Protein backbone atom coordinates (compact mmCIF):
# COMPACT_ATOMS: atom_id res chain seq x y z
CA MET A 1 -13.49 -10.08 -36.94
CA SER A 2 -9.99 -9.45 -35.85
CA ASP A 3 -7.16 -7.89 -38.02
CA GLN A 4 -4.60 -10.77 -38.39
CA ILE A 5 -1.73 -8.22 -38.59
CA TYR A 6 -2.85 -6.32 -35.59
CA GLN A 7 -0.39 -6.02 -32.67
CA PRO A 8 -1.92 -4.51 -29.55
CA THR A 9 0.26 -2.03 -27.55
CA LEU A 10 1.29 -2.11 -23.95
CA SER A 11 -0.68 0.97 -23.40
CA GLN A 12 -3.78 -0.57 -24.86
CA LEU A 13 -3.44 -3.71 -22.68
CA ARG A 14 -2.76 -1.49 -19.62
CA ALA A 15 -5.96 0.57 -20.49
CA PHE A 16 -7.97 -2.83 -20.69
CA VAL A 17 -6.65 -4.33 -17.47
CA ALA A 18 -7.11 -1.06 -15.42
CA VAL A 19 -10.87 -0.59 -16.69
CA ALA A 20 -11.63 -4.26 -16.21
CA GLU A 21 -10.26 -4.17 -12.52
CA TYR A 22 -11.67 -0.73 -11.47
CA ARG A 23 -14.94 -0.93 -13.39
CA HIS A 24 -14.66 2.76 -13.74
CA PHE A 25 -13.09 4.78 -16.57
CA GLY A 26 -12.25 7.82 -14.40
CA THR A 27 -10.64 5.84 -11.79
CA ALA A 28 -8.66 3.70 -14.24
CA ALA A 29 -7.31 6.88 -16.00
CA ALA A 30 -6.28 8.39 -12.65
CA ARG A 31 -4.38 5.19 -11.79
CA LEU A 32 -2.78 5.07 -15.19
CA ARG A 33 -2.03 8.82 -15.10
CA VAL A 34 -3.64 9.48 -18.33
CA SER A 35 -6.64 11.44 -19.35
CA GLN A 36 -9.93 9.70 -19.63
CA PRO A 37 -10.28 10.34 -23.48
CA THR A 38 -6.78 8.92 -23.85
CA LEU A 39 -7.67 5.80 -21.83
CA SER A 40 -10.97 5.32 -23.90
CA GLN A 41 -9.17 5.70 -27.25
CA ALA A 42 -6.63 3.06 -26.17
CA LEU A 43 -9.40 0.56 -25.19
CA ALA A 44 -11.38 1.33 -28.29
CA ALA A 45 -8.32 0.70 -30.51
CA LEU A 46 -7.74 -2.74 -28.81
CA GLU A 47 -11.31 -3.75 -29.23
CA HIS A 48 -11.19 -2.60 -32.86
CA GLY A 49 -8.04 -4.48 -33.64
CA LEU A 50 -9.26 -7.64 -32.01
CA GLY A 51 -12.67 -7.51 -33.40
CA LEU A 52 -13.99 -8.09 -29.92
CA GLN A 53 -15.99 -6.18 -27.22
CA LEU A 54 -14.05 -6.50 -24.01
CA ILE A 55 -15.84 -4.01 -21.88
CA GLU A 56 -19.59 -3.24 -21.89
CA ARG A 57 -20.17 0.45 -21.11
CA SER A 58 -23.41 2.20 -20.07
CA THR A 59 -24.26 5.40 -18.26
CA ARG A 60 -24.42 3.61 -14.92
CA ARG A 61 -21.88 0.70 -14.87
CA VAL A 62 -18.92 -0.78 -16.51
CA LEU A 63 -18.93 -4.53 -17.02
CA VAL A 64 -16.35 -6.89 -18.37
CA THR A 65 -17.62 -9.27 -21.22
CA ALA A 66 -17.17 -12.89 -21.52
CA ALA A 67 -14.38 -12.31 -24.00
CA GLY A 68 -12.78 -9.77 -21.69
CA LEU A 69 -12.84 -12.22 -18.81
CA ARG A 70 -11.20 -14.86 -21.03
CA LEU A 71 -8.45 -12.50 -22.21
CA LEU A 72 -7.81 -10.64 -18.91
CA PRO A 73 -5.41 -13.19 -17.44
CA GLN A 74 -3.31 -13.14 -20.59
CA ALA A 75 -3.21 -9.40 -20.68
CA ARG A 76 -1.93 -9.30 -17.22
CA ALA A 77 0.73 -11.94 -18.10
CA THR A 78 1.78 -9.91 -21.14
CA LEU A 79 2.16 -6.75 -19.10
CA ASP A 80 4.19 -8.76 -16.46
CA ALA A 81 6.45 -10.12 -19.39
CA ALA A 82 7.05 -6.69 -20.65
CA ASP A 83 8.13 -5.44 -17.06
CA ARG A 84 10.54 -8.43 -16.80
CA PHE A 85 11.90 -7.61 -20.30
CA LEU A 86 12.58 -3.93 -19.31
CA ALA A 87 14.12 -4.97 -16.00
CA SER A 88 16.44 -7.47 -17.81
CA ALA A 89 17.30 -4.72 -20.40
CA THR A 90 19.09 -2.81 -17.70
CA GLY A 91 21.49 -5.61 -17.08
CA ASP A 92 21.70 -4.64 -13.48
CA GLY A 93 18.64 -5.96 -11.61
CA LEU A 94 16.30 -3.13 -10.53
CA GLY A 95 16.42 -0.34 -12.99
CA GLY A 96 14.31 2.11 -14.85
CA THR A 97 10.90 3.14 -13.48
CA LEU A 98 9.59 1.31 -10.34
CA ARG A 99 6.14 2.17 -9.31
CA LEU A 100 6.25 1.70 -5.58
CA GLY A 101 3.15 1.78 -3.40
CA ILE A 102 3.31 2.56 0.18
CA ILE A 103 0.79 2.84 3.20
CA PRO A 104 0.53 6.29 4.90
CA THR A 105 1.66 4.95 8.26
CA VAL A 106 4.97 3.85 6.74
CA ALA A 107 5.77 6.49 4.17
CA PRO A 108 6.66 9.50 6.17
CA TYR A 109 8.98 7.54 8.34
CA LEU A 110 10.81 5.27 5.83
CA LEU A 111 11.11 7.46 2.75
CA PRO A 112 13.45 10.14 4.08
CA ALA A 113 16.00 7.61 4.93
CA LEU A 114 15.32 5.16 1.92
CA LEU A 115 15.22 7.38 -1.00
CA PRO A 116 18.67 8.91 -0.74
CA ARG A 117 20.10 5.27 -0.47
CA LEU A 118 18.20 4.10 -3.52
CA ARG A 119 19.84 7.00 -5.47
CA GLU A 120 23.23 5.85 -4.03
CA HIS A 121 22.96 2.06 -4.36
CA MET A 122 20.63 1.94 -7.30
CA PRO A 123 21.39 4.99 -9.41
CA GLY A 124 19.64 3.52 -12.41
CA LEU A 125 16.26 3.16 -10.60
CA LEU A 126 13.60 5.71 -10.98
CA PRO A 127 11.00 5.26 -8.08
CA GLN A 128 7.60 6.64 -8.46
CA VAL A 129 5.98 6.73 -5.06
CA VAL A 130 2.13 6.28 -4.60
CA GLU A 131 0.99 6.62 -1.00
CA ASP A 132 -2.52 5.03 -0.54
CA GLN A 133 -4.41 2.74 1.63
CA THR A 134 -3.87 -1.02 1.47
CA ALA A 135 -6.91 -1.91 -0.68
CA ARG A 136 -6.08 0.54 -3.25
CA LEU A 137 -2.65 -0.35 -3.32
CA LEU A 138 -3.53 -3.98 -3.87
CA ASP A 139 -5.74 -3.01 -6.75
CA GLY A 140 -2.87 -1.21 -8.24
CA LEU A 141 -0.59 -4.28 -8.08
CA ARG A 142 -3.35 -6.50 -9.53
CA THR A 143 -3.99 -4.04 -12.48
CA GLY A 144 -0.21 -3.41 -13.08
CA VAL A 145 -0.42 0.24 -12.13
CA LEU A 146 2.08 -0.59 -9.43
CA ASP A 147 5.14 -2.85 -9.52
CA VAL A 148 5.59 -3.54 -5.63
CA ALA A 149 3.98 -2.26 -2.62
CA LEU A 150 5.05 -1.71 1.03
CA LEU A 151 2.19 -3.02 3.20
CA ALA A 152 1.49 -4.63 6.62
CA LEU A 153 1.47 -8.31 6.37
CA PRO A 154 -0.27 -10.71 5.82
CA THR A 155 -2.48 -9.16 3.06
CA GLU A 156 -4.23 -12.51 2.45
CA ALA A 157 -4.71 -11.25 -1.14
CA PRO A 158 -4.73 -13.83 -4.03
CA GLY A 159 -2.19 -13.62 -6.75
CA VAL A 160 0.56 -11.84 -4.75
CA ARG A 161 3.82 -12.72 -3.06
CA GLU A 162 5.25 -11.26 0.10
CA ILE A 163 8.68 -10.60 1.43
CA GLU A 164 8.83 -9.99 5.19
CA LEU A 165 10.96 -6.86 5.86
CA TYR A 166 10.72 -6.11 9.67
CA PHE A 167 8.52 -6.25 12.76
CA GLU A 168 7.92 -3.08 14.82
CA GLU A 169 6.04 -2.91 18.11
CA PHE A 170 3.17 -0.63 18.85
CA VAL A 171 3.55 2.17 21.33
CA LEU A 172 0.99 3.90 23.39
CA VAL A 173 1.02 7.62 23.08
CA THR A 174 -0.62 9.66 25.98
CA PRO A 175 -0.86 13.25 26.98
CA THR A 176 2.06 14.43 29.24
CA GLY A 177 1.20 13.49 32.88
CA HIS A 178 -1.08 10.59 31.99
CA GLU A 179 -0.93 7.78 34.54
CA LEU A 180 0.27 5.34 32.06
CA GLY A 181 3.02 7.56 30.65
CA GLY A 182 6.48 6.18 30.97
CA ARG A 183 5.59 2.57 31.82
CA ALA A 184 7.55 -0.10 29.97
CA ASP A 185 5.52 -3.04 31.26
CA LEU A 186 2.01 -2.26 30.04
CA PRO A 187 -0.17 -5.21 29.42
CA PRO A 188 -2.35 -4.90 26.30
CA ALA A 189 -5.38 -5.43 28.40
CA ALA A 190 -4.61 -2.03 29.79
CA LEU A 191 -6.27 -0.60 26.71
CA ASP A 192 -9.78 -1.43 28.30
CA ALA A 193 -11.79 1.80 28.79
CA LEU A 194 -9.20 4.08 27.55
CA PRO A 195 -10.24 6.95 25.22
CA LEU A 196 -8.68 5.54 22.02
CA LEU A 197 -8.21 7.48 19.08
CA LEU A 198 -7.99 5.87 15.66
CA LEU A 199 -7.14 6.62 11.96
CA ASP A 200 -10.17 6.62 9.63
CA GLU A 201 -11.70 3.51 8.05
CA GLY A 202 -9.49 2.02 5.34
CA HIS A 203 -6.31 2.37 7.21
CA CYS A 204 -4.70 -0.92 8.17
CA LEU A 205 -3.41 0.36 11.51
CA ARG A 206 -6.91 1.08 12.69
CA ASP A 207 -7.96 -2.60 11.87
CA GLN A 208 -4.86 -3.74 13.62
CA THR A 209 -5.48 -1.76 16.78
CA LEU A 210 -9.12 -2.97 16.98
CA GLU A 211 -7.89 -6.52 16.36
CA LEU A 212 -5.55 -6.20 19.18
CA CYS A 213 -8.38 -5.01 21.47
CA ARG A 214 -10.59 -7.86 20.49
CA THR A 215 -7.74 -10.37 21.12
CA VAL A 216 -7.18 -9.12 24.65
CA GLU A 217 -10.89 -8.57 25.26
CA ALA A 218 -10.29 -4.70 25.88
CA HIS A 219 -13.21 -2.43 25.23
CA PRO A 220 -11.71 1.12 24.90
CA GLY A 221 -14.01 3.94 25.19
CA SER A 222 -14.72 6.78 22.63
CA VAL A 223 -13.68 4.73 19.63
CA GLY A 224 -14.93 6.44 16.49
CA ASP A 225 -15.72 9.85 18.23
CA THR A 226 -12.58 11.33 16.68
CA ARG A 227 -10.96 9.95 13.47
CA ALA A 228 -8.14 11.37 11.30
CA ALA A 229 -6.58 10.68 8.04
CA SER A 230 -2.92 10.84 9.26
CA LEU A 231 -0.98 9.74 12.40
CA ALA A 232 0.27 13.36 12.79
CA THR A 233 -3.42 14.54 13.34
CA VAL A 234 -4.17 11.64 15.67
CA VAL A 235 -0.98 12.50 17.73
CA GLN A 236 -2.11 16.14 18.08
CA CYS A 237 -5.24 15.25 19.25
CA VAL A 238 -3.71 13.12 21.86
CA ALA A 239 -1.49 16.29 22.88
CA GLY A 240 -4.71 18.20 23.07
CA GLY A 241 -6.27 15.86 25.69
CA LEU A 242 -8.73 14.00 23.44
CA GLY A 243 -7.49 10.57 24.28
CA VAL A 244 -4.75 8.17 23.60
CA THR A 245 -3.61 6.25 20.55
CA LEU A 246 -1.31 3.36 19.33
CA ILE A 247 1.45 4.24 16.83
CA PRO A 248 4.06 1.99 15.28
CA GLU A 249 7.69 2.29 16.67
CA SER A 250 8.96 3.72 13.50
CA ALA A 251 6.61 6.85 14.02
CA VAL A 252 7.48 7.57 17.67
CA ALA A 253 10.45 9.81 17.13
CA ALA A 254 8.87 11.97 14.37
CA GLU A 255 5.26 12.23 15.96
CA THR A 256 6.12 12.72 19.69
CA ALA A 257 8.50 15.65 18.85
CA ARG A 258 5.61 17.82 17.96
CA GLY A 259 3.80 18.12 21.26
CA THR A 260 3.53 17.47 25.01
CA LEU A 261 3.26 13.80 25.03
CA ASP A 262 4.34 10.65 26.92
CA THR A 263 4.79 7.08 25.58
CA ALA A 264 4.29 3.84 27.31
CA ARG A 265 5.51 0.30 26.00
CA PHE A 266 3.93 -3.03 26.25
CA THR A 267 5.45 -5.90 28.12
CA ALA A 268 7.05 -8.77 25.99
CA PRO A 269 5.94 -10.16 23.74
CA ALA A 270 4.67 -6.66 22.74
CA PRO A 271 2.08 -6.38 20.00
CA GLY A 272 3.05 -4.86 16.65
CA ARG A 273 2.93 -5.47 12.98
CA THR A 274 5.00 -6.91 10.19
CA ILE A 275 5.96 -4.79 7.26
CA GLY A 276 6.70 -6.32 3.84
CA LEU A 277 7.13 -6.02 0.20
CA VAL A 278 4.12 -7.29 -1.88
CA PHE A 279 4.24 -7.97 -5.75
CA ARG A 280 2.36 -9.99 -8.19
CA SER A 281 3.20 -13.75 -8.36
CA SER A 282 3.43 -13.52 -12.12
CA THR A 283 6.12 -10.90 -12.30
CA GLY A 284 9.16 -13.36 -11.82
CA ARG A 285 11.17 -10.53 -10.31
CA ARG A 286 11.58 -12.00 -6.70
CA ASP A 287 15.31 -11.68 -6.94
CA ASP A 288 15.22 -8.04 -7.86
CA TYR A 289 12.74 -7.42 -4.97
CA GLU A 290 14.89 -9.18 -2.65
CA GLN A 291 17.63 -6.72 -3.40
CA LEU A 292 15.18 -3.85 -2.64
CA ALA A 293 14.08 -5.73 0.53
CA ALA A 294 17.72 -5.86 1.77
CA LEU A 295 18.17 -2.20 1.28
CA ILE A 296 14.95 -1.39 3.10
CA ARG A 297 15.95 -3.56 6.05
CA GLU A 298 19.34 -1.80 6.22
CA TYR A 299 17.94 1.80 6.29
CA ARG A 300 14.44 1.30 7.96
CA PRO A 301 13.61 3.68 10.78
CA ARG A 302 14.90 2.37 14.21
């Protein structure tokens, strides 16, 4: 039976939502940046105050109870309302802590220009950057661990909204002296039979590259023989003669400066990707995120 004067805290609700989404106490604690005992205590206090079991625990699995499933949407809505309240309290649009997710193929090329401009134009904003793969960033948005994320669009994820930021072309990177190096009229079908190096599974750029190959019926060779966790590693493998790769336009200047490399560009309309801001539909902060989007468009890598 619930305590009629009990008032759950935001920390307790965040603990419940995180555990319900990740179905793992260790992962939920890491995402909330708290210790596992702190997370467990917050959840236990919430359940005790409500007089309900929200999470079923065992040594092998974590399940959300029927009561937990019933209350989960309301818990998310409460956290979103609290975020809106804090944003309004600043009286100046975006202010306070902003938990910003960003994919690894955008972060190193956008952040050096963007972060100083955020300090300049939004001095009351305290960004917390989380670099991770798309699936985990979307999980972070759903659980309230993140406020907004920079991702390749479309995400096709339920419960989120998207603001398009910019389109960037893909560029073929080859070792110096490669027969395709320097070309500006490359048809995408030229990827056929090339030794194509890719990022590891989970990176959206890997999926986009493979989808492009399927679209133009190209069958590159050596796919999967060499995989890396970062574009920097992939490009250095290209410089070492292990193959060729596709990278987004924003990464060209930084990555090709580190080795003996050539580039080739595709004929129009060139393949590429759209980068956008993604946030929960329930936040009601689209106007604030439109301000952030305008700043990103102005200072994105070109």
